[in-house]
Every structure is written in C-alpha cells, then in structure tokens.
N, C-alpha and C. Protein backbone atom coordinates (compact mmCIF):
# COMPACT_ATOMS: atom_id res chain seq x y z
N MET A 1 61.32 5.54 134.47
CA MET A 1 61.43 4.62 133.63
C MET A 1 60.81 5.22 132.43
N PHE A 2 59.64 5.29 132.47
CA PHE A 2 58.99 6.00 130.73
C PHE A 2 59.79 7.70 130.17
N GLY A 3 60.55 7.96 131.13
CA GLY A 3 61.54 9.36 130.73
C GLY A 3 62.68 8.80 129.98
N SER A 4 63.25 7.88 130.36
CA SER A 4 64.01 7.09 129.48
C SER A 4 64.08 6.91 128.14
N SER A 5 62.84 5.96 128.02
CA SER A 5 62.14 5.95 126.35
C SER A 5 61.60 6.64 125.79
N ASN A 6 61.56 7.86 126.39
CA ASN A 6 61.04 8.97 125.82
C ASN A 6 62.31 9.91 124.99
N ARG A 7 63.21 9.93 125.96
CA ARG A 7 64.29 10.66 125.47
C ARG A 7 65.40 9.71 124.13
N GLY A 8 65.30 8.75 124.40
CA GLY A 8 65.54 7.32 123.61
C GLY A 8 64.60 8.25 122.21
N ALA A 9 63.56 7.78 122.15
CA ALA A 9 62.63 8.21 120.85
C ALA A 9 62.68 9.98 120.50
N SER A 10 63.06 10.50 121.03
CA SER A 10 63.05 11.90 120.71
C SER A 10 64.49 11.62 120.28
N SER A 11 65.59 11.41 121.13
CA SER A 11 67.05 10.77 120.13
C SER A 11 66.93 10.52 118.72
N TYR A 12 66.67 9.63 118.80
CA TYR A 12 65.97 8.91 117.82
C TYR A 12 64.94 9.66 116.29
N ALA A 13 64.37 10.33 116.98
CA ALA A 13 63.46 11.19 116.18
C ALA A 13 64.83 12.42 115.79
N LYS A 14 65.29 12.89 116.70
CA LYS A 14 66.59 13.82 116.10
C LYS A 14 67.67 13.58 114.87
N VAL A 15 68.23 12.06 115.40
CA VAL A 15 69.14 11.69 114.54
C VAL A 15 68.58 11.50 112.92
N GLY A 16 67.01 10.75 112.98
CA GLY A 16 66.16 10.68 111.70
C GLY A 16 65.77 12.17 111.10
N LEU A 17 65.99 13.13 111.61
CA LEU A 17 65.96 14.70 111.31
C LEU A 17 67.53 14.99 110.53
N GLU A 18 68.39 14.62 111.39
CA GLU A 18 70.09 14.66 111.07
C GLU A 18 70.31 14.65 109.75
N THR A 19 69.67 13.19 109.35
CA THR A 19 70.03 11.98 108.60
C THR A 19 69.38 12.42 107.46
N SER A 20 68.09 13.06 107.52
CA SER A 20 67.19 13.43 106.31
C SER A 20 67.76 14.69 106.02
N VAL A 21 68.42 15.71 106.56
CA VAL A 21 69.04 17.01 106.20
C VAL A 21 70.33 16.63 105.38
N VAL A 22 71.23 15.59 105.82
CA VAL A 22 72.18 15.41 105.07
C VAL A 22 72.09 14.86 103.97
N ALA A 23 71.85 14.08 104.15
CA ALA A 23 71.01 13.20 102.65
C ALA A 23 69.89 14.15 101.55
N ALA A 24 69.42 15.28 101.91
CA ALA A 24 68.82 15.79 101.22
C ALA A 24 69.09 16.48 100.10
N SER A 25 68.69 16.65 98.96
CA SER A 25 69.11 17.56 97.96
C SER A 25 69.07 19.23 98.09
N PRO A 26 69.89 20.12 97.51
CA PRO A 26 69.37 21.37 98.01
C PRO A 26 67.41 21.79 98.23
N HIS A 27 66.75 20.89 97.01
CA HIS A 27 65.85 21.56 96.71
C HIS A 27 65.00 20.63 97.89
N LYS A 28 65.36 19.69 98.33
CA LYS A 28 64.49 19.23 99.29
C LYS A 28 64.66 19.95 100.86
N LEU A 29 65.76 20.52 101.03
CA LEU A 29 66.28 21.21 101.94
C LEU A 29 65.59 22.50 101.88
N ILE A 30 64.64 23.09 101.18
CA ILE A 30 64.24 24.06 100.89
C ILE A 30 62.45 23.85 101.52
N VAL A 31 62.28 22.45 101.06
CA VAL A 31 60.88 21.89 100.84
C VAL A 31 60.67 21.52 102.12
N MET A 32 62.07 20.97 102.82
CA MET A 32 61.66 21.47 104.84
C MET A 32 61.32 22.22 105.50
N LEU A 33 62.32 23.62 105.13
CA LEU A 33 62.51 24.37 105.63
C LEU A 33 60.80 25.26 105.34
N PHE A 34 60.32 25.34 104.10
CA PHE A 34 58.66 25.11 103.71
C PHE A 34 57.83 24.53 105.15
N ASP A 35 58.29 23.31 105.41
CA ASP A 35 57.01 22.41 105.88
C ASP A 35 57.63 23.12 107.89
N GLY A 36 58.85 23.31 107.84
CA GLY A 36 59.44 23.41 108.95
C GLY A 36 58.35 24.91 109.41
N ALA A 37 58.44 26.05 108.78
CA ALA A 37 57.88 26.91 108.79
C ALA A 37 56.42 26.93 108.99
N LEU A 38 55.97 25.84 108.14
CA LEU A 38 54.10 25.98 108.01
C LEU A 38 53.69 25.09 109.71
N VAL A 39 54.97 23.97 110.06
CA VAL A 39 54.42 23.54 111.10
C VAL A 39 54.62 24.94 112.74
N ALA A 40 55.45 25.48 112.63
CA ALA A 40 55.67 26.50 113.44
C ALA A 40 54.29 27.24 113.39
N VAL A 41 53.91 27.59 112.32
CA VAL A 41 52.74 29.03 112.03
C VAL A 41 51.75 27.93 112.51
N LEU A 42 51.44 26.60 112.10
CA LEU A 42 49.73 26.31 112.61
C LEU A 42 50.06 26.19 114.03
N SER A 43 51.51 25.65 114.47
CA SER A 43 51.34 26.01 115.95
C SER A 43 51.15 26.86 116.67
N GLY A 44 51.89 28.27 116.44
CA GLY A 44 51.34 29.47 116.95
C GLY A 44 49.57 29.39 116.71
N LEU A 45 48.93 29.35 115.59
CA LEU A 45 47.75 29.41 115.54
C LEU A 45 46.98 28.64 116.98
N MET A 46 47.16 27.81 116.87
CA MET A 46 46.85 26.88 118.12
C MET A 46 46.82 27.42 119.22
N HIS A 47 48.19 27.64 119.06
CA HIS A 47 48.55 28.67 120.79
C HIS A 47 47.33 29.31 121.02
N MET A 48 47.79 30.50 119.61
CA MET A 48 46.70 31.88 119.57
C MET A 48 45.44 31.50 120.06
N ARG A 49 44.71 30.76 119.30
CA ARG A 49 43.48 30.44 119.69
C ARG A 49 42.93 29.92 121.24
N SER A 50 44.17 29.06 121.78
CA SER A 50 43.73 28.33 122.73
C SER A 50 44.38 29.67 124.31
N GLY A 51 44.47 30.22 123.82
CA GLY A 51 45.57 31.67 124.79
C GLY A 51 46.63 31.17 125.68
N ASN A 52 47.58 30.31 125.18
CA ASN A 52 48.50 30.06 125.47
C ASN A 52 49.79 31.10 125.17
N ILE A 53 49.82 32.35 125.40
CA ILE A 53 50.67 33.25 125.03
C ILE A 53 52.22 32.80 124.76
N PRO A 54 52.76 31.92 125.88
CA PRO A 54 54.11 31.62 125.70
C PRO A 54 54.45 31.02 124.21
N GLU A 55 54.01 29.56 124.81
CA GLU A 55 53.94 29.24 123.66
C GLU A 55 53.25 29.57 122.09
N LYS A 56 52.63 30.43 122.06
CA LYS A 56 52.70 31.13 120.70
C LYS A 56 53.53 31.77 120.25
N GLY A 57 53.96 32.54 121.61
CA GLY A 57 55.61 33.52 120.98
C GLY A 57 56.36 32.56 120.48
N LYS A 58 56.59 31.76 121.09
CA LYS A 58 57.60 30.73 120.80
C LYS A 58 57.73 30.08 119.34
N ALA A 59 56.00 29.88 118.99
CA ALA A 59 56.29 29.20 117.69
C ALA A 59 56.02 30.28 116.54
N ILE A 60 55.63 31.36 116.58
CA ILE A 60 55.89 32.54 115.80
C ILE A 60 57.55 32.68 116.04
N SER A 61 58.05 32.97 116.69
CA SER A 61 59.52 33.09 116.26
C SER A 61 59.88 32.35 115.64
N LYS A 62 59.81 30.65 116.02
CA LYS A 62 60.39 29.97 115.05
C LYS A 62 59.91 30.28 113.60
N ALA A 63 59.00 30.32 113.48
CA ALA A 63 58.58 30.55 111.94
C ALA A 63 59.39 31.50 111.52
N ILE A 64 59.26 32.89 112.15
CA ILE A 64 60.01 33.96 111.96
C ILE A 64 61.59 33.68 111.13
N GLN A 65 62.47 32.60 112.19
CA GLN A 65 63.78 32.37 112.18
C GLN A 65 63.66 31.47 110.82
N ILE A 66 63.16 30.73 110.83
CA ILE A 66 63.19 29.32 109.54
C ILE A 66 62.78 30.47 108.31
N ILE A 67 62.20 31.36 108.17
CA ILE A 67 61.77 31.95 107.07
C ILE A 67 63.15 33.32 107.16
N ASP A 68 63.60 34.06 107.96
CA ASP A 68 64.42 34.67 107.99
C ASP A 68 65.95 34.21 107.57
N ASN A 69 66.28 32.99 108.30
CA ASN A 69 67.42 32.66 108.33
C ASN A 69 67.74 31.53 107.45
N GLY A 70 66.42 30.91 106.90
CA GLY A 70 66.92 29.70 106.31
C GLY A 70 66.41 30.48 105.06
N LEU A 71 64.90 30.61 104.60
CA LEU A 71 64.55 30.60 103.59
C LEU A 71 64.72 32.10 102.44
N ARG A 72 64.97 33.21 103.59
CA ARG A 72 65.86 34.01 102.90
C ARG A 72 66.70 34.05 103.06
N ALA A 73 67.74 33.41 103.67
CA ALA A 73 69.31 33.30 103.62
C ALA A 73 69.47 32.27 102.69
N SER A 74 68.70 31.68 101.97
CA SER A 74 69.17 30.55 100.76
C SER A 74 69.11 31.48 99.71
N LEU A 75 68.58 32.70 99.43
CA LEU A 75 68.19 33.28 98.07
C LEU A 75 69.41 33.38 97.25
N ASP A 76 70.13 33.28 96.32
CA ASP A 76 71.05 34.12 95.67
C ASP A 76 70.49 34.70 94.35
N LYS A 77 70.73 36.29 95.45
CA LYS A 77 69.96 37.35 94.35
C LYS A 77 71.04 37.58 93.15
N LYS A 78 72.14 36.57 93.03
CA LYS A 78 73.14 37.22 91.69
C LYS A 78 72.12 35.97 90.75
N ALA A 79 71.87 34.64 91.35
CA ALA A 79 71.88 33.77 90.03
C ALA A 79 69.96 33.98 90.06
N GLY A 80 69.25 34.54 91.03
CA GLY A 80 67.88 34.24 90.89
C GLY A 80 67.75 35.50 90.42
N GLY A 81 68.00 36.87 90.20
CA GLY A 81 67.56 37.85 89.55
C GLY A 81 65.97 38.04 90.23
N GLN A 82 65.41 38.84 89.17
CA GLN A 82 64.09 39.60 89.95
C GLN A 82 63.37 38.74 90.57
N ILE A 83 63.26 37.08 90.42
CA ILE A 83 62.78 36.32 91.00
C ILE A 83 63.18 36.41 92.94
N ALA A 84 64.37 36.30 92.85
CA ALA A 84 65.04 36.02 94.42
C ALA A 84 64.54 37.16 94.97
N GLU A 85 64.59 38.54 94.38
CA GLU A 85 64.09 39.76 94.98
C GLU A 85 63.04 40.07 95.34
N ASN A 86 61.76 39.29 94.41
CA ASN A 86 60.70 39.23 94.93
C ASN A 86 60.59 38.05 96.10
N LEU A 87 61.48 36.96 96.02
CA LEU A 87 60.88 36.10 97.23
C LEU A 87 61.36 36.88 98.25
N ASP A 88 62.42 37.71 98.07
CA ASP A 88 63.02 37.79 99.37
C ASP A 88 62.52 39.72 99.88
N SER A 89 61.19 39.90 99.33
CA SER A 89 60.64 41.11 99.47
C SER A 89 59.78 40.41 100.03
N LEU A 90 58.64 39.25 99.57
CA LEU A 90 57.58 38.24 100.00
C LEU A 90 57.79 37.83 101.03
N TYR A 91 58.84 36.58 102.08
CA TYR A 91 59.82 36.77 102.65
C TYR A 91 59.97 38.26 103.90
N GLU A 92 59.84 38.83 103.81
CA GLU A 92 60.17 40.10 104.83
C GLU A 92 58.92 40.38 104.98
N TYR A 93 57.80 40.57 104.24
CA TYR A 93 56.63 40.32 104.23
C TYR A 93 55.97 39.61 105.36
N MET A 94 55.90 38.35 104.97
CA MET A 94 55.61 37.35 106.07
C MET A 94 56.25 37.56 107.41
N SER A 95 57.21 37.92 107.48
CA SER A 95 58.05 38.03 108.70
C SER A 95 57.29 39.10 109.18
N ALA A 96 56.96 39.98 108.44
CA ALA A 96 56.48 41.29 109.12
C ALA A 96 55.16 41.00 109.80
N ARG A 97 54.65 40.30 108.77
CA ARG A 97 53.60 40.16 109.73
C ARG A 97 52.92 38.85 110.58
N LEU A 98 53.60 38.12 110.80
CA LEU A 98 53.84 37.19 112.09
C LEU A 98 54.77 37.87 113.03
N LEU A 99 55.39 38.97 112.73
CA LEU A 99 55.36 40.15 114.11
C LEU A 99 53.83 40.47 114.63
N THR A 100 53.24 40.96 113.18
CA THR A 100 52.12 42.09 113.96
C THR A 100 51.17 40.86 114.44
N ALA A 101 51.04 39.68 113.61
CA ALA A 101 50.41 38.87 114.64
C ALA A 101 50.38 38.26 115.72
N ASN A 102 51.39 38.34 116.34
CA ASN A 102 51.36 38.51 117.40
C ASN A 102 51.54 39.25 118.63
N LEU A 103 52.13 40.33 118.16
CA LEU A 103 52.09 41.49 119.02
C LEU A 103 49.97 41.73 119.19
N LYS A 104 49.36 41.31 118.03
CA LYS A 104 47.76 41.88 118.33
C LYS A 104 46.85 40.35 118.37
N ASN A 105 48.01 39.53 118.19
CA ASN A 105 46.95 38.58 119.09
C ASN A 105 45.68 37.66 117.25
N ASP A 106 46.66 38.29 116.14
CA ASP A 106 45.45 38.17 115.18
C ASP A 106 45.90 37.45 114.11
N THR A 107 44.60 35.91 114.26
CA THR A 107 44.36 34.54 113.58
C THR A 107 44.22 35.01 112.42
N GLU A 108 43.73 36.52 111.60
CA GLU A 108 43.63 36.30 110.12
C GLU A 108 44.74 36.20 109.49
N ILE A 109 45.59 37.41 110.31
CA ILE A 109 47.19 37.08 109.74
C ILE A 109 47.86 35.64 109.81
N MET A 110 47.87 35.28 110.96
CA MET A 110 48.34 33.46 110.45
C MET A 110 47.90 32.80 109.75
N ILE A 111 46.70 33.06 109.51
CA ILE A 111 45.82 32.28 108.29
C ILE A 111 46.20 32.73 106.86
N GLU A 112 46.52 34.21 106.91
CA GLU A 112 47.05 34.51 105.63
C GLU A 112 48.57 34.24 105.18
N ILE A 113 49.47 33.98 106.32
CA ILE A 113 50.80 33.91 106.41
C ILE A 113 51.10 32.00 105.74
N GLN A 114 49.59 31.35 106.43
CA GLN A 114 49.64 30.07 106.48
C GLN A 114 49.44 29.24 104.85
N GLY A 115 49.00 30.35 104.24
CA GLY A 115 48.14 30.31 103.08
C GLY A 115 49.61 30.85 101.94
N LEU A 116 50.18 31.77 102.11
CA LEU A 116 51.30 32.01 101.41
C LEU A 116 52.40 30.62 101.34
N LEU A 117 52.44 30.22 102.68
CA LEU A 117 53.73 29.67 102.65
C LEU A 117 53.27 28.25 102.35
N THR A 118 51.83 27.59 102.03
CA THR A 118 51.77 26.40 101.36
C THR A 118 51.41 26.88 99.71
N GLU A 119 51.40 27.94 99.18
CA GLU A 119 51.38 28.00 97.90
C GLU A 119 53.27 28.14 97.57
N LEU A 120 53.78 28.63 97.99
CA LEU A 120 55.08 28.67 97.88
C LEU A 120 55.70 27.29 97.71
N ARG A 121 55.60 26.77 98.90
CA ARG A 121 55.55 25.38 99.22
C ARG A 121 55.12 24.18 97.80
N GLU A 122 53.86 24.71 97.23
CA GLU A 122 53.72 23.86 96.22
C GLU A 122 54.38 24.10 94.87
N THR A 123 54.72 25.22 94.75
CA THR A 123 54.71 25.92 93.93
C THR A 123 56.53 25.19 93.52
N TRP A 124 57.35 25.32 95.09
CA TRP A 124 58.46 24.85 95.14
C TRP A 124 58.61 23.51 94.71
N ASN A 125 57.81 22.57 95.10
CA ASN A 125 57.24 21.43 94.69
C ASN A 125 56.96 20.86 93.52
N ALA A 126 56.58 21.56 92.37
CA ALA A 126 56.32 21.58 91.08
C ALA A 126 57.27 21.85 90.72
N ILE A 127 58.63 22.92 90.84
CA ILE A 127 59.17 22.79 89.95
C ILE A 127 59.93 21.67 90.29
N GLY A 128 60.09 21.40 91.32
CA GLY A 128 61.19 19.79 91.59
C GLY A 128 60.93 18.29 90.98
N ALA A 129 58.99 18.33 90.57
CA ALA A 129 58.58 17.54 89.34
C ALA A 129 58.44 17.81 88.52
N ALA A 130 59.23 18.57 88.34
CA ALA A 130 59.58 19.32 86.27
C ALA A 130 60.73 18.40 85.94
N PRO A 131 60.40 17.47 84.53
CA PRO A 131 61.44 16.66 83.91
C PRO A 131 62.50 17.64 83.33
N ALA A 132 63.68 17.47 83.79
CA ALA A 132 64.69 18.00 83.19
C ALA A 132 64.52 18.75 81.53
N GLY A 133 64.58 19.69 81.36
CA GLY A 133 64.16 20.01 79.99
C GLY A 133 62.62 21.05 79.82
N VAL A 134 62.17 20.23 80.54
CA VAL A 134 60.81 21.24 81.27
C VAL A 134 60.37 22.58 81.94
N PRO A 135 60.06 23.25 81.38
CA PRO A 135 59.92 24.58 82.15
C PRO A 135 58.84 24.25 83.42
N ALA A 136 58.73 24.38 84.18
CA ALA A 136 58.09 24.35 85.68
C ALA A 136 56.47 24.76 85.51
N SER A 137 56.67 26.13 84.33
CA SER A 137 55.65 26.74 84.35
C SER A 137 54.72 25.80 83.25
N ASP A 138 55.69 24.87 82.56
CA ASP A 138 54.44 23.84 82.03
C ASP A 138 54.21 23.26 82.72
N VAL A 139 54.19 22.63 84.09
CA VAL A 139 53.96 21.55 84.94
C VAL A 139 52.93 21.97 85.69
N ALA A 140 53.08 23.02 85.91
CA ALA A 140 51.94 24.05 87.26
C ALA A 140 51.99 25.43 86.91
N PRO A 141 51.29 25.72 87.02
CA PRO A 141 50.53 27.66 87.01
C PRO A 141 51.41 28.25 88.51
N VAL A 142 52.06 29.09 88.25
CA VAL A 142 52.71 29.71 89.27
C VAL A 142 51.74 31.04 89.29
N ARG A 143 51.05 31.24 90.83
CA ARG A 143 50.14 32.08 91.12
C ARG A 143 51.02 32.98 91.95
N ILE A 144 52.35 32.72 92.25
CA ILE A 144 52.81 33.16 93.33
C ILE A 144 53.59 35.12 93.56
N SER A 145 53.40 34.64 91.82
CA SER A 145 54.06 36.37 90.84
C SER A 145 52.88 37.37 91.31
N ASN A 146 51.72 36.61 91.51
CA ASN A 146 50.30 37.86 91.61
C ASN A 146 51.07 38.25 92.65
N LEU A 147 51.03 37.51 94.21
CA LEU A 147 51.05 38.16 94.97
C LEU A 147 52.83 38.92 95.40
N VAL A 148 53.83 38.49 94.95
CA VAL A 148 54.79 39.05 95.09
C VAL A 148 54.78 40.69 94.06
N SER A 149 53.92 40.43 93.04
CA SER A 149 54.21 41.95 92.46
C SER A 149 53.03 43.06 93.66
N ALA A 150 52.37 42.67 94.40
CA ALA A 150 50.84 43.71 94.57
C ALA A 150 52.09 44.05 95.17
C-alpha cells in the first residue's frame, strides 16, 4: 500500500524536476548544477562521517559527474576566454580533490570543495541578479579570482 504512494510521490518529484529543467534559463540551469553538486558533496560528507562507504562513494561520484559533465562541459572557452579557462582548471581541481577525499576518507577536502562550490554558486547568483547594463562586479565582489589564480 505505501510502496505505490511512495512511487507516486517519487514520480511526481521527478516530473517537477524535469519541468523545472525544461523551463529554466541557461543561467538557472547552472545554479541547478551547483545545487546538485553541493547536495552530493554534503551527502558524501555525511556518509563519510557515518562510515557508510558504498553511499559515500556514490555521492562523491555523483558530485564529480556533475562537475565534469555539467559545469565543466557547459563552459564555452571561446566566448568565455580566460575566465572559462580558469573555471575549467578550478573544476578539474575540484574533481581531483573529491577523488582524493573519497580514497582517503578526508573530511577536510570535502569541506574545502563544499566551500568552493558555495562561493561559485553565490557569485553565479550575483551575476544573474545584476541589472542589464550593470557589471556583475558592481553588484557583488568576485572573490573566486583569488582561488583560480592560486
């Protein structure tokens, strides 16, 4: 009895997500990728702390897939120039660090990547909040450049 209603709720949630993706602007899709990566990293961290190795591995793999096949794949290096190149390097760094965190059960690396993703998401949201004609740098400071050039 409960199984069928649970499947119904799951199907409803899936349709809601698919509808959100179809209706989302390109900017919102990137925010959704950041959200998904953050949820996966936090899930991996939770499973790491509880000792649930299989679920930790699944969550970290999901985060890496979102970063590599979503965020990194969406970069337009011709149009984005140096910023896109720097982001590509940062995404590559984050994926490598997540792999290391998974292999070594290192919660500090997970927290580091959570911080980077959070900062990127906040900056991306600030860019989207900038009124037309106003540079995003006037809306919110971009601190990521310090991380990318390091």
